[in-house]
PDB file of N, CA and C in Angstrom:
ATOM      1  N   MET A   1      13.754  86.974 123.437  1.00  0.00           N
ATOM      2  CA  MET A   1      13.365  88.052 122.551  1.00  0.00           C
ATOM      3  C   MET A   1      13.776  89.367 123.198  1.00  0.00           C
ATOM      4  N   TYR A   2      14.542  90.147 122.485  1.00  0.00           N
ATOM      5  CA  TYR A   2      15.006  91.435 122.995  1.00  0.00           C
ATOM      6  C   TYR A   2      14.121  92.539 122.459  1.00  0.00           C
ATOM      7  N   VAL A   3      13.698  93.450 123.349  1.00  0.00           N
ATOM      8  CA  VAL A   3      12.855  94.572 122.952  1.00  0.00           C
ATOM      9  C   VAL A   3      13.489  95.849 123.475  1.00  0.00           C
ATOM     10  N   GLU A   4      13.731  96.791 122.580  1.00  0.00           N
ATOM     11  CA  GLU A   4      14.335  98.055 122.988  1.00  0.00           C
ATOM     12  C   GLU A   4      13.349  98.939 123.733  1.00  0.00           C
ATOM     13  N   ASN A   5      12.080  98.805 123.449  1.00  0.00           N
ATOM     14  CA  ASN A   5      11.062  99.634 124.075  1.00  0.00           C
ATOM     15  C   ASN A   5      10.883  99.183 125.524  1.00  0.00           C
ATOM     16  N   SER A   6      11.416  99.935 126.459  1.00  0.00           N
ATOM     17  CA  SER A   6      11.372  99.518 127.862  1.00  0.00           C
ATOM     18  C   SER A   6       9.942  99.490 128.402  1.00  0.00           C
ATOM     19  N   TYR A   7       9.077 100.365 127.892  1.00  0.00           N
ATOM     20  CA  TYR A   7       7.688 100.357 128.343  1.00  0.00           C
ATOM     21  C   TYR A   7       7.035  99.025 127.992  1.00  0.00           C
ATOM     22  N   LEU A   8       7.229  98.585 126.764  1.00  0.00           N
ATOM     23  CA  LEU A   8       6.634  97.325 126.316  1.00  0.00           C
ATOM     24  C   LEU A   8       7.208  96.142 127.082  1.00  0.00           C
ATOM     25  N   SER A   9       8.502  96.139 127.284  1.00  0.00           N
ATOM     26  CA  SER A   9       9.137  95.001 127.949  1.00  0.00           C
ATOM     27  C   SER A   9       8.731  94.866 129.411  1.00  0.00           C
ATOM     28  N   LYS A  10       8.153  95.913 129.990  1.00  0.00           N
ATOM     29  CA  LYS A  10       7.718  95.860 131.390  1.00  0.00           C
ATOM     30  C   LYS A  10       6.247  95.469 131.537  1.00  0.00           C
ATOM     31  N   GLN A  11       5.555  95.319 130.442  1.00  0.00           N
ATOM     32  CA  GLN A  11       4.140  94.971 130.491  1.00  0.00           C
ATOM     33  C   GLN A  11       3.976  93.472 130.732  1.00  0.00           C
ATOM     34  N   LEU A  12       3.160  93.118 131.703  1.00  0.00           N
ATOM     35  CA  LEU A  12       2.948  91.715 132.052  1.00  0.00           C
ATOM     36  C   LEU A  12       2.426  90.913 130.860  1.00  0.00           C
ATOM     37  N   CYS A  13       1.504  91.473 130.111  1.00  0.00           N
ATOM     38  CA  CYS A  13       0.940  90.747 128.967  1.00  0.00           C
ATOM     39  C   CYS A  13       2.020  90.438 127.932  1.00  0.00           C
ATOM     40  N   PHE A  14       2.960  91.351 127.738  1.00  0.00           N
ATOM     41  CA  PHE A  14       4.037  91.104 126.787  1.00  0.00           C
ATOM     42  C   PHE A  14       4.957  90.002 127.293  1.00  0.00           C
ATOM     43  N   LEU A  15       5.230  89.988 128.579  1.00  0.00           N
ATOM     44  CA  LEU A  15       6.068  88.938 129.159  1.00  0.00           C
ATOM     45  C   LEU A  15       5.409  87.571 129.010  1.00  0.00           C
ATOM     46  N   PHE A  16       4.089  87.508 129.198  1.00  0.00           N
ATOM     47  CA  PHE A  16       3.366  86.252 128.973  1.00  0.00           C
ATOM     48  C   PHE A  16       3.463  85.830 127.506  1.00  0.00           C
ATOM     49  N   TYR A  17       3.320  86.788 126.615  1.00  0.00           N
ATOM     50  CA  TYR A  17       3.403  86.509 125.179  1.00  0.00           C
ATOM     51  C   TYR A  17       4.766  85.921 124.816  1.00  0.00           C
ATOM     52  N   VAL A  18       5.822  86.560 125.270  1.00  0.00           N
ATOM     53  CA  VAL A  18       7.179  86.095 124.962  1.00  0.00           C
ATOM     54  C   VAL A  18       7.419  84.717 125.570  1.00  0.00           C
ATOM     55  N   SER A  19       6.962  84.517 126.801  1.00  0.00           N
ATOM     56  CA  SER A  19       7.137  83.219 127.466  1.00  0.00           C
ATOM     57  C   SER A  19       6.412  82.112 126.715  1.00  0.00           C
ATOM     58  N   SER A  20       5.186  82.383 126.306  1.00  0.00           N
ATOM     59  CA  SER A  20       4.416  81.353 125.602  1.00  0.00           C
ATOM     60  C   SER A  20       5.060  81.003 124.263  1.00  0.00           C
ATOM     61  N   LYS A  21       5.607  82.001 123.564  1.00  0.00           N
ATOM     62  CA  LYS A  21       6.298  81.724 122.301  1.00  0.00           C
ATOM     63  C   LYS A  21       7.495  80.813 122.524  1.00  0.00           C
ATOM     64  N   GLU A  22       8.239  81.026 123.588  1.00  0.00           N
ATOM     65  CA  GLU A  22       9.411  80.197 123.885  1.00  0.00           C
ATOM     66  C   GLU A  22       9.002  78.769 124.254  1.00  0.00           C
ATOM     67  N   ILE A  23       7.939  78.639 125.023  1.00  0.00           N
ATOM     68  CA  ILE A  23       7.450  77.309 125.404  1.00  0.00           C
ATOM     69  C   ILE A  23       6.982  76.548 124.169  1.00  0.00           C
ATOM     70  N   ILE A  24       6.221  77.215 123.315  1.00  0.00           N
ATOM     71  CA  ILE A  24       5.733  76.574 122.095  1.00  0.00           C
ATOM     72  C   ILE A  24       6.899  76.170 121.202  1.00  0.00           C
ATOM     73  N   LYS A  25       7.931  76.998 121.131  1.00  0.00           N
ATOM     74  CA  LYS A  25       9.113  76.673 120.329  1.00  0.00           C
ATOM     75  C   LYS A  25       9.772  75.390 120.835  1.00  0.00           C
ATOM     76  N   LYS A  26       9.866  75.232 122.152  1.00  0.00           N
ATOM     77  CA  LYS A  26      10.468  74.022 122.732  1.00  0.00           C
ATOM     78  C   LYS A  26       9.617  72.791 122.416  1.00  0.00           C
ATOM     79  N   TYR A  27       8.311  72.899 122.580  1.00  0.00           N
ATOM     80  CA  TYR A  27       7.423  71.773 122.286  1.00  0.00           C
ATOM     81  C   TYR A  27       7.474  71.408 120.806  1.00  0.00           C
ATOM     82  N   THR A  28       7.550  72.404 119.944  1.00  0.00           N
ATOM     83  CA  THR A  28       7.539  72.167 118.506  1.00  0.00           C
ATOM     84  C   THR A  28       8.664  71.234 118.091  1.00  0.00           C
ATOM     85  N   ASN A  29       9.826  71.391 118.693  1.00  0.00           N
ATOM     86  CA  ASN A  29      10.957  70.515 118.366  1.00  0.00           C
ATOM     87  C   ASN A  29      10.636  69.056 118.662  1.00  0.00           C
ATOM     88  N   TYR A  30       9.956  68.793 119.753  1.00  0.00           N
ATOM     89  CA  TYR A  30       9.602  67.418 120.118  1.00  0.00           C
ATOM     90  C   TYR A  30       8.429  66.886 119.296  1.00  0.00           C
ATOM     91  N   LEU A  31       7.504  67.756 118.934  1.00  0.00           N
ATOM     92  CA  LEU A  31       6.289  67.324 118.239  1.00  0.00           C
ATOM     93  C   LEU A  31       6.501  67.088 116.745  1.00  0.00           C
ATOM     94  N   LYS A  32       7.582  67.619 116.172  1.00  0.00           N
ATOM     95  CA  LYS A  32       7.869  67.407 114.745  1.00  0.00           C
ATOM     96  C   LYS A  32       7.918  65.923 114.413  1.00  0.00           C
ATOM     97  N   GLU A  33       8.475  65.146 115.314  1.00  0.00           N
ATOM     98  CA  GLU A  33       8.608  63.696 115.118  1.00  0.00           C
ATOM     99  C   GLU A  33       7.253  63.038 114.869  1.00  0.00           C
ATOM    100  N   TYR A  34       6.201  63.598 115.444  1.00  0.00           N
ATOM    101  CA  TYR A  34       4.854  63.038 115.334  1.00  0.00           C
ATOM    102  C   TYR A  34       3.987  63.800 114.332  1.00  0.00           C
ATOM    103  N   ASP A  35       4.593  64.741 113.610  1.00  0.00           N
ATOM    104  CA  ASP A  35       3.871  65.582 112.655  1.00  0.00           C
ATOM    105  C   ASP A  35       2.666  66.241 113.328  1.00  0.00           C
ATOM    106  N   LEU A  36       2.916  66.832 114.471  1.00  0.00           N
ATOM    107  CA  LEU A  36       1.862  67.410 115.300  1.00  0.00           C
ATOM    108  C   LEU A  36       2.233  68.842 115.668  1.00  0.00           C
ATOM    109  N   THR A  37       1.247  69.734 115.607  1.00  0.00           N
ATOM    110  CA  THR A  37       1.476  71.111 116.044  1.00  0.00           C
ATOM    111  C   THR A  37       1.220  71.211 117.539  1.00  0.00           C
ATOM    112  N   TYR A  38       1.630  72.310 118.131  1.00  0.00           N
ATOM    113  CA  TYR A  38       1.390  72.513 119.556  1.00  0.00           C
ATOM    114  C   TYR A  38      -0.115  72.572 119.832  1.00  0.00           C
ATOM    115  N   THR A  39      -0.843  73.245 118.963  1.00  0.00           N
ATOM    116  CA  THR A  39      -2.297  73.329 119.121  1.00  0.00           C
ATOM    117  C   THR A  39      -2.932  71.949 119.034  1.00  0.00           C
ATOM    118  N   GLY A  40      -2.490  71.148 118.077  1.00  0.00           N
ATOM    119  CA  GLY A  40      -2.993  69.778 117.957  1.00  0.00           C
ATOM    120  C   GLY A  40      -2.689  68.958 119.191  1.00  0.00           C
ATOM    121  N   TYR A  41      -1.507  69.154 119.746  1.00  0.00           N
ATOM    122  CA  TYR A  41      -1.112  68.455 120.972  1.00  0.00           C
ATOM    123  C   TYR A  41      -2.039  68.830 122.133  1.00  0.00           C
ATOM    124  N   ILE A  42      -2.335  70.105 122.274  1.00  0.00           N
ATOM    125  CA  ILE A  42      -3.226  70.568 123.345  1.00  0.00           C
ATOM    126  C   ILE A  42      -4.611  69.951 123.182  1.00  0.00           C
ATOM    127  N   VAL A  43      -5.107  69.894 121.949  1.00  0.00           N
ATOM    128  CA  VAL A  43      -6.422  69.290 121.688  1.00  0.00           C
ATOM    129  C   VAL A  43      -6.412  67.818 122.068  1.00  0.00           C
ATOM    130  N   LEU A  44      -5.376  67.096 121.670  1.00  0.00           N
ATOM    131  CA  LEU A  44      -5.282  65.674 122.022  1.00  0.00           C
ATOM    132  C   LEU A  44      -5.235  65.477 123.534  1.00  0.00           C
ATOM    133  N   MET A  45      -4.516  66.335 124.226  1.00  0.00           N
ATOM    134  CA  MET A  45      -4.436  66.236 125.684  1.00  0.00           C
ATOM    135  C   MET A  45      -5.809  66.486 126.313  1.00  0.00           C
ATOM    136  N   ALA A  46      -6.541  67.446 125.787  1.00  0.00           N
ATOM    137  CA  ALA A  46      -7.868  67.755 126.318  1.00  0.00           C
ATOM    138  C   ALA A  46      -8.827  66.593 126.096  1.00  0.00           C
ATOM    139  N   ILE A  47      -8.795  66.008 124.911  1.00  0.00           N
ATOM    140  CA  ILE A  47      -9.680  64.881 124.601  1.00  0.00           C
ATOM    141  C   ILE A  47      -9.322  63.670 125.450  1.00  0.00           C
ATOM    142  N   GLU A  48      -8.047  63.403 125.595  1.00  0.00           N
ATOM    143  CA  GLU A  48      -7.596  62.231 126.337  1.00  0.00           C
ATOM    144  C   GLU A  48      -7.951  62.317 127.821  1.00  0.00           C
ATOM    145  N   ASN A  49      -7.906  63.501 128.378  1.00  0.00           N
ATOM    146  CA  ASN A  49      -8.073  63.646 129.822  1.00  0.00           C
ATOM    147  C   ASN A  49      -9.481  64.020 130.266  1.00  0.00           C
ATOM    148  N   ASP A  50     -10.414  64.133 129.344  1.00  0.00           N
ATOM    149  CA  ASP A  50     -11.779  64.498 129.712  1.00  0.00           C
ATOM    150  C   ASP A  50     -12.728  63.413 129.227  1.00  0.00           C
ATOM    151  N   GLU A  51     -13.154  62.564 130.135  1.00  0.00           N
ATOM    152  CA  GLU A  51     -14.021  61.442 129.770  1.00  0.00           C
ATOM    153  C   GLU A  51     -15.387  61.901 129.269  1.00  0.00           C
ATOM    154  N   LYS A  52     -15.826  63.093 129.666  1.00  0.00           N
ATOM    155  CA  LYS A  52     -17.138  63.587 129.267  1.00  0.00           C
ATOM    156  C   LYS A  52     -17.102  64.328 127.936  1.00  0.00           C
ATOM    157  N   LEU A  53     -15.931  64.667 127.460  1.00  0.00           N
ATOM    158  CA  LEU A  53     -15.789  65.430 126.229  1.00  0.00           C
ATOM    159  C   LEU A  53     -16.054  64.544 125.018  1.00  0.00           C
ATOM    160  N   ASN A  54     -16.848  65.064 124.087  1.00  0.00           N
ATOM    161  CA  ASN A  54     -17.068  64.339 122.839  1.00  0.00           C
ATOM    162  C   ASN A  54     -16.829  65.282 121.667  1.00  0.00           C
ATOM    163  N   ILE A  55     -16.926  64.779 120.482  1.00  0.00           N
ATOM    164  CA  ILE A  55     -16.613  65.563 119.286  1.00  0.00           C
ATOM    165  C   ILE A  55     -17.505  66.794 119.162  1.00  0.00           C
ATOM    166  N   LYS A  56     -18.749  66.719 119.589  1.00  0.00           N
ATOM    167  CA  LYS A  56     -19.672  67.846 119.483  1.00  0.00           C
ATOM    168  C   LYS A  56     -19.257  69.013 120.369  1.00  0.00           C
ATOM    169  N   ASN A  57     -18.547  68.735 121.455  1.00  0.00           N
ATOM    170  CA  ASN A  57     -18.114  69.813 122.353  1.00  0.00           C
ATOM    171  C   ASN A  57     -17.011  70.591 121.695  1.00  0.00           C
TER     172      ASN A  57
END
């Protein structure tokens, strides 16, 4: 993502935002096959890896 505003492009929070968008874009390509969103994938990973987690949490 190109940003002309040099002040904005130097902000750490903006760099995190741009990075996360790119990561989600990469995951989305793989998750389409399973009809799953990135958010849904994260939820499934959390449920699978936490033995104490239940639906009420």
